[in-house]
Amino acid sequence: MNKNTSNKQNRFALREHITGADIRQLRKDLSMTQIELASFLRCSKRTVENWESRPYPITGPIVTLFEILLRDPDLVSYYKIPDTSYRLRLHYMHDDMVCSIIDVNELQRKVRVRNYTDNPLLRAFGVNTEPDYSDYEEFLESRCFPKSRDKMKLELKRLGLPFYDPIMIIEKTGGRVEGDRFHIRIEHMTGGE
């Protein structure tokens, strides 16, 4: 490889560095506290404090994240998990990536979904962005063994469950199905509908 070619590779229109004042201003533009920005960036509040108070240039991956957020501040609201008034929340995950958040009001049979990926193969309901309760029930059954399974009573006994209930099964198994890397984390909310 000649020297001229290697200089043209991996060049990006990004700053070389940013300042503490830049980070502080971006944080204020995003209406975030230091704790909220630290949570979003997956770092400590102390790290954000250090960046903001640094009198010398800041380099590293934060520069790229800074540029991305500067150009598209809506990313923060895209990734923010909304509050819910429903009592049941399911986090549909692929490894450690949140793909969909499903809020459920079982009494009124209402379902709300928020997808955190554009890839329908990773979403809980695929291309369906407004599932109904029947779609939700089908989804639950798809994440545990079918009701018609041979020796279902033995499997329920092994799990310590008195009867077939997809939510109870998912609470025991994490919604894991052999052959894929998805799982479900269930959160029971206090109060709400």
C-alpha atoms as a PDB file:
ATOM      1  CA  MET A   1       0.000   0.000   0.000  1.00  0.00           C
ATOM      2  CA  ASN A   2       1.479   3.344  -0.905  1.00  0.00           C
ATOM      3  CA  LYS A   3       1.604   6.243   1.497  1.00  0.00           C
ATOM      4  CA  ASN A   4      -0.848   8.375  -0.485  1.00  0.00           C
ATOM      5  CA  THR A   5      -3.606   5.738  -0.318  1.00  0.00           C
ATOM      6  CA  SER A   6      -3.300   5.172   3.426  1.00  0.00           C
ATOM      7  CA  ASN A   7      -3.755   8.893   4.133  1.00  0.00           C
ATOM      8  CA  LYS A   8      -7.098   8.868   2.317  1.00  0.00           C
ATOM      9  CA  GLN A   9      -8.559   5.980   4.309  1.00  0.00           C
ATOM     10  CA  ASN A  10     -10.442   6.452   7.551  1.00  0.00           C
ATOM     11  CA  ARG A  11     -10.777  10.193   7.333  1.00  0.00           C
ATOM     12  CA  PHE A  12     -13.910  11.674   8.800  1.00  0.00           C
ATOM     13  CA  ALA A  13     -15.317  15.188   9.039  1.00  0.00           C
ATOM     14  CA  LEU A  14     -15.140  15.229  12.831  1.00  0.00           C
ATOM     15  CA  ARG A  15     -13.407  17.503  15.262  1.00  0.00           C
ATOM     16  CA  GLU A  16     -10.076  16.420  16.661  1.00  0.00           C
ATOM     17  CA  HIS A  17     -11.165  17.433  20.154  1.00  0.00           C
ATOM     18  CA  ILE A  18     -13.833  19.245  22.150  1.00  0.00           C
ATOM     19  CA  THR A  19     -13.749  21.358  25.289  1.00  0.00           C
ATOM     20  CA  GLY A  20     -15.485  21.169  28.626  1.00  0.00           C
ATOM     21  CA  ALA A  21     -17.503  24.216  27.616  1.00  0.00           C
ATOM     22  CA  ASP A  22     -18.679  22.332  24.491  1.00  0.00           C
ATOM     23  CA  ILE A  23     -19.935  19.423  26.588  1.00  0.00           C
ATOM     24  CA  ARG A  24     -21.600  21.709  29.119  1.00  0.00           C
ATOM     25  CA  GLN A  25     -23.362  23.642  26.330  1.00  0.00           C
ATOM     26  CA  LEU A  26     -24.558  20.464  24.600  1.00  0.00           C
ATOM     27  CA  ARG A  27     -25.851  19.104  27.904  1.00  0.00           C
ATOM     28  CA  LYS A  28     -27.797  22.325  28.487  1.00  0.00           C
ATOM     29  CA  ASP A  29     -29.115  22.298  24.897  1.00  0.00           C
ATOM     30  CA  LEU A  30     -30.377  18.762  25.533  1.00  0.00           C
ATOM     31  CA  SER A  31     -31.976  19.934  28.834  1.00  0.00           C
ATOM     32  CA  MET A  32     -30.105  17.236  30.734  1.00  0.00           C
ATOM     33  CA  THR A  33     -28.490  17.181  34.138  1.00  0.00           C
ATOM     34  CA  GLN A  34     -24.997  15.786  34.572  1.00  0.00           C
ATOM     35  CA  ILE A  35     -26.539  12.597  35.984  1.00  0.00           C
ATOM     36  CA  GLU A  36     -28.883  12.223  32.977  1.00  0.00           C
ATOM     37  CA  LEU A  37     -26.054  12.788  30.489  1.00  0.00           C
ATOM     38  CA  ALA A  38     -23.869  10.301  32.355  1.00  0.00           C
ATOM     39  CA  SER A  39     -26.695   7.739  32.238  1.00  0.00           C
ATOM     40  CA  PHE A  40     -27.189   8.307  28.497  1.00  0.00           C
ATOM     41  CA  LEU A  41     -23.443   8.029  27.762  1.00  0.00           C
ATOM     42  CA  ARG A  42     -23.042   5.030  30.114  1.00  0.00           C
ATOM     43  CA  CYS A  43     -20.386   6.727  32.197  1.00  0.00           C
ATOM     44  CA  SER A  44     -20.253   8.140  35.724  1.00  0.00           C
ATOM     45  CA  LYS A  45     -21.428  11.574  36.805  1.00  0.00           C
ATOM     46  CA  ARG A  46     -17.841  12.195  37.920  1.00  0.00           C
ATOM     47  CA  THR A  47     -16.655  11.643  34.334  1.00  0.00           C
ATOM     48  CA  VAL A  48     -19.097  14.273  33.043  1.00  0.00           C
ATOM     49  CA  GLU A  49     -17.993  16.643  35.829  1.00  0.00           C
ATOM     50  CA  ASN A  50     -14.345  16.078  34.875  1.00  0.00           C
ATOM     51  CA  TRP A  51     -15.012  16.708  31.199  1.00  0.00           C
ATOM     52  CA  GLU A  52     -16.947  19.894  31.900  1.00  0.00           C
ATOM     53  CA  SER A  53     -14.259  21.300  34.185  1.00  0.00           C
ATOM     54  CA  ARG A  54     -11.244  20.362  32.010  1.00  0.00           C
ATOM     55  CA  PRO A  55      -9.158  23.342  30.926  1.00  0.00           C
ATOM     56  CA  TYR A  56      -7.496  21.302  28.128  1.00  0.00           C
ATOM     57  CA  PRO A  57      -8.889  19.591  24.989  1.00  0.00           C
ATOM     58  CA  ILE A  58     -10.891  16.372  25.355  1.00  0.00           C
ATOM     59  CA  THR A  59     -10.291  13.564  22.863  1.00  0.00           C
ATOM     60  CA  GLY A  60     -11.541  10.018  22.420  1.00  0.00           C
ATOM     61  CA  PRO A  61     -14.913   8.448  21.598  1.00  0.00           C
ATOM     62  CA  ILE A  62     -16.772  11.266  23.358  1.00  0.00           C
ATOM     63  CA  VAL A  63     -15.819  13.558  20.464  1.00  0.00           C
ATOM     64  CA  THR A  64     -17.727  11.360  17.986  1.00  0.00           C
ATOM     65  CA  LEU A  65     -20.706  11.016  20.353  1.00  0.00           C
ATOM     66  CA  PHE A  66     -20.676  14.786  20.830  1.00  0.00           C
ATOM     67  CA  GLU A  67     -20.807  15.343  17.044  1.00  0.00           C
ATOM     68  CA  ILE A  68     -23.643  12.828  16.624  1.00  0.00           C
ATOM     69  CA  LEU A  69     -25.732  14.434  19.390  1.00  0.00           C
ATOM     70  CA  LEU A  70     -24.952  17.926  18.118  1.00  0.00           C
ATOM     71  CA  ARG A  71     -26.266  16.999  14.672  1.00  0.00           C
ATOM     72  CA  ASP A  72     -29.196  14.889  15.878  1.00  0.00           C
ATOM     73  CA  PRO A  73     -30.308  15.849  19.404  1.00  0.00           C
ATOM     74  CA  ASP A  74     -33.554  13.870  18.901  1.00  0.00           C
ATOM     75  CA  LEU A  75     -31.548  10.675  19.479  1.00  0.00           C
ATOM     76  CA  VAL A  76     -31.837  11.307  23.212  1.00  0.00           C
ATOM     77  CA  SER A  77     -35.650  11.233  23.097  1.00  0.00           C
ATOM     78  CA  TYR A  78     -35.574   8.254  20.685  1.00  0.00           C
ATOM     79  CA  TYR A  79     -33.680   6.142  23.225  1.00  0.00           C
ATOM     80  CA  LYS A  80     -35.453   7.451  26.333  1.00  0.00           C
ATOM     81  CA  ILE A  81     -37.734   4.869  27.911  1.00  0.00           C
ATOM     82  CA  PRO A  82     -41.055   6.600  28.561  1.00  0.00           C
ATOM     83  CA  ASP A  83     -42.962   6.485  31.821  1.00  0.00           C
ATOM     84  CA  THR A  84     -46.016   4.266  31.793  1.00  0.00           C
ATOM     85  CA  SER A  85     -49.333   4.169  33.563  1.00  0.00           C
ATOM     86  CA  TYR A  86     -49.730   0.449  32.808  1.00  0.00           C
ATOM     87  CA  ARG A  87     -48.819  -2.120  35.451  1.00  0.00           C
ATOM     88  CA  LEU A  88     -46.846  -4.532  33.285  1.00  0.00           C
ATOM     89  CA  ARG A  89     -43.786  -3.735  31.191  1.00  0.00           C
ATOM     90  CA  LEU A  90     -41.825  -6.230  29.114  1.00  0.00           C
ATOM     91  CA  HIS A  91     -38.336  -5.459  27.847  1.00  0.00           C
ATOM     92  CA  TYR A  92     -37.788  -7.542  24.699  1.00  0.00           C
ATOM     93  CA  MET A  93     -34.025  -7.915  24.387  1.00  0.00           C
ATOM     94  CA  HIS A  94     -31.536  -9.316  21.897  1.00  0.00           C
ATOM     95  CA  ASP A  95     -28.484 -10.112  24.020  1.00  0.00           C
ATOM     96  CA  ASP A  96     -28.131  -6.831  25.961  1.00  0.00           C
ATOM     97  CA  MET A  97     -29.853  -4.589  23.373  1.00  0.00           C
ATOM     98  CA  VAL A  98     -33.364  -3.371  24.169  1.00  0.00           C
ATOM     99  CA  CYS A  99     -35.343  -4.000  20.969  1.00  0.00           C
ATOM    100  CA  SER A 100     -38.893  -3.248  22.141  1.00  0.00           C
ATOM    101  CA  ILE A 101     -40.648  -2.092  25.292  1.00  0.00           C
ATOM    102  CA  ILE A 102     -44.161  -3.497  25.646  1.00  0.00           C
ATOM    103  CA  ASP A 103     -46.537  -1.884  28.151  1.00  0.00           C
ATOM    104  CA  VAL A 104     -49.644  -3.895  29.005  1.00  0.00           C
ATOM    105  CA  ASN A 105     -52.906  -3.230  30.805  1.00  0.00           C
ATOM    106  CA  GLU A 106     -54.222  -6.764  31.222  1.00  0.00           C
ATOM    107  CA  LEU A 107     -57.563  -5.737  32.708  1.00  0.00           C
ATOM    108  CA  GLN A 108     -58.476  -3.446  29.814  1.00  0.00           C
ATOM    109  CA  ARG A 109     -56.603  -5.611  27.290  1.00  0.00           C
ATOM    110  CA  LYS A 110     -54.512  -2.695  26.022  1.00  0.00           C
ATOM    111  CA  VAL A 111     -51.001  -2.901  24.621  1.00  0.00           C
ATOM    112  CA  ARG A 112     -48.490  -0.180  23.724  1.00  0.00           C
ATOM    113  CA  VAL A 113     -45.151  -0.934  22.095  1.00  0.00           C
ATOM    114  CA  ARG A 114     -42.117   1.246  21.558  1.00  0.00           C
ATOM    115  CA  ASN A 115     -39.414  -0.105  19.278  1.00  0.00           C
ATOM    116  CA  TYR A 116     -35.772   0.825  19.724  1.00  0.00           C
ATOM    117  CA  THR A 117     -34.552  -0.650  16.451  1.00  0.00           C
ATOM    118  CA  ASP A 118     -35.482  -0.116  12.825  1.00  0.00           C
ATOM    119  CA  ASN A 119     -34.841  -3.775  12.029  1.00  0.00           C
ATOM    120  CA  PRO A 120     -38.224  -5.573  12.034  1.00  0.00           C
ATOM    121  CA  LEU A 121     -36.473  -8.915  12.600  1.00  0.00           C
ATOM    122  CA  LEU A 122     -35.387  -7.665  16.027  1.00  0.00           C
ATOM    123  CA  ARG A 123     -38.730  -6.145  17.049  1.00  0.00           C
ATOM    124  CA  ALA A 124     -41.207  -7.947  19.278  1.00  0.00           C
ATOM    125  CA  PHE A 125     -44.018  -7.615  16.729  1.00  0.00           C
ATOM    126  CA  GLY A 126     -41.973  -7.292  13.535  1.00  0.00           C
ATOM    127  CA  VAL A 127     -43.468  -4.705  11.176  1.00  0.00           C
ATOM    128  CA  ASN A 128     -46.633  -4.391  13.301  1.00  0.00           C
ATOM    129  CA  THR A 129     -46.131  -1.132  15.230  1.00  0.00           C
ATOM    130  CA  GLU A 130     -49.637  -1.113  16.760  1.00  0.00           C
ATOM    131  CA  PRO A 131     -50.320  -4.613  18.081  1.00  0.00           C
ATOM    132  CA  ASP A 132     -53.608  -5.470  19.739  1.00  0.00           C
ATOM    133  CA  TYR A 133     -54.054  -7.711  22.761  1.00  0.00           C
ATOM    134  CA  SER A 134     -54.457 -10.798  20.583  1.00  0.00           C
ATOM    135  CA  ASP A 135     -51.072 -10.051  18.941  1.00  0.00           C
ATOM    136  CA  TYR A 136     -49.596  -9.701  22.421  1.00  0.00           C
ATOM    137  CA  GLU A 137     -50.978 -13.081  23.515  1.00  0.00           C
ATOM    138  CA  GLU A 138     -49.529 -14.720  20.382  1.00  0.00           C
ATOM    139  CA  PHE A 139     -46.183 -13.073  21.081  1.00  0.00           C
ATOM    140  CA  LEU A 140     -46.146 -14.400  24.658  1.00  0.00           C
ATOM    141  CA  GLU A 141     -46.916 -17.937  23.516  1.00  0.00           C
ATOM    142  CA  SER A 142     -44.151 -17.694  20.923  1.00  0.00           C
ATOM    143  CA  ARG A 143     -41.645 -17.002  23.727  1.00  0.00           C
ATOM    144  CA  CYS A 144     -42.522 -20.120  25.735  1.00  0.00           C
ATOM    145  CA  PHE A 145     -43.478 -23.695  24.960  1.00  0.00           C
ATOM    146  CA  PRO A 146     -46.837 -24.182  23.225  1.00  0.00           C
ATOM    147  CA  LYS A 147     -49.950 -25.051  25.173  1.00  0.00           C
ATOM    148  CA  SER A 148     -50.318 -28.212  23.083  1.00  0.00           C
ATOM    149  CA  ARG A 149     -46.838 -29.540  23.929  1.00  0.00           C
ATOM    150  CA  ASP A 150     -46.509 -33.225  24.768  1.00  0.00           C
ATOM    151  CA  LYS A 151     -45.974 -33.799  28.480  1.00  0.00           C
ATOM    152  CA  MET A 152     -46.774 -30.159  29.212  1.00  0.00           C
ATOM    153  CA  LYS A 153     -47.727 -31.011  32.807  1.00  0.00           C
ATOM    154  CA  LEU A 154     -44.235 -32.442  33.404  1.00  0.00           C
ATOM    155  CA  GLU A 155     -42.656 -29.252  32.049  1.00  0.00           C
ATOM    156  CA  LEU A 156     -44.906 -27.085  34.251  1.00  0.00           C
ATOM    157  CA  LYS A 157     -43.995 -29.224  37.257  1.00  0.00           C
ATOM    158  CA  ARG A 158     -40.279 -28.853  36.417  1.00  0.00           C
ATOM    159  CA  LEU A 159     -40.756 -25.060  36.396  1.00  0.00           C
ATOM    160  CA  GLY A 160     -42.764 -25.190  39.638  1.00  0.00           C
ATOM    161  CA  LEU A 161     -45.910 -23.803  38.014  1.00  0.00           C
ATOM    162  CA  PRO A 162     -49.447 -25.000  38.835  1.00  0.00           C
ATOM    163  CA  PHE A 163     -50.927 -24.267  35.376  1.00  0.00           C
ATOM    164  CA  TYR A 164     -50.094 -22.925  31.911  1.00  0.00           C
ATOM    165  CA  ASP A 165     -49.677 -19.138  31.984  1.00  0.00           C
ATOM    166  CA  PRO A 166     -47.289 -17.593  29.443  1.00  0.00           C
ATOM    167  CA  ILE A 167     -46.308 -14.681  31.736  1.00  0.00           C
ATOM    168  CA  MET A 168     -45.487 -17.045  34.604  1.00  0.00           C
ATOM    169  CA  ILE A 169     -43.497 -19.264  32.231  1.00  0.00           C
ATOM    170  CA  ILE A 170     -41.590 -16.266  30.863  1.00  0.00           C
ATOM    171  CA  GLU A 171     -40.841 -15.085  34.399  1.00  0.00           C
ATOM    172  CA  LYS A 172     -39.241 -18.496  35.038  1.00  0.00           C
ATOM    173  CA  THR A 173     -37.450 -18.894  31.686  1.00  0.00           C
ATOM    174  CA  GLY A 174     -36.716 -15.272  30.812  1.00  0.00           C
ATOM    175  CA  GLY A 175     -38.632 -15.822  27.581  1.00  0.00           C
ATOM    176  CA  ARG A 176     -35.626 -17.631  26.156  1.00  0.00           C
ATOM    177  CA  VAL A 177     -36.244 -19.956  23.247  1.00  0.00           C
ATOM    178  CA  GLU A 178     -33.676 -22.446  22.039  1.00  0.00           C
ATOM    179  CA  GLY A 179     -31.967 -21.275  18.880  1.00  0.00           C
ATOM    180  CA  ASP A 180     -32.173 -17.519  19.315  1.00  0.00           C
ATOM    181  CA  ARG A 181     -30.566 -14.852  21.483  1.00  0.00           C
ATOM    182  CA  PHE A 182     -33.732 -13.028  22.550  1.00  0.00           C
ATOM    183  CA  HIS A 183     -35.043 -12.826  26.082  1.00  0.00           C
ATOM    184  CA  ILE A 184     -37.643 -10.886  28.040  1.00  0.00           C
ATOM    185  CA  ARG A 185     -37.265  -8.977  31.268  1.00  0.00           C
ATOM    186  CA  ILE A 186     -40.591  -8.410  33.020  1.00  0.00           C
ATOM    187  CA  GLU A 187     -41.196  -5.376  35.186  1.00  0.00           C
ATOM    188  CA  HIS A 188     -44.283  -5.099  37.388  1.00  0.00           C
ATOM    189  CA  MET A 189     -45.032  -1.399  37.841  1.00  0.00           C
ATOM    190  CA  THR A 190     -46.576  -0.027  41.013  1.00  0.00           C
ATOM    191  CA  GLY A 191     -49.777   1.952  40.750  1.00  0.00           C
ATOM    192  CA  GLY A 192     -51.072   2.778  37.290  1.00  0.00           C
ATOM    193  CA  GLU A 193     -53.863   1.177  35.291  1.00  0.00           C
END
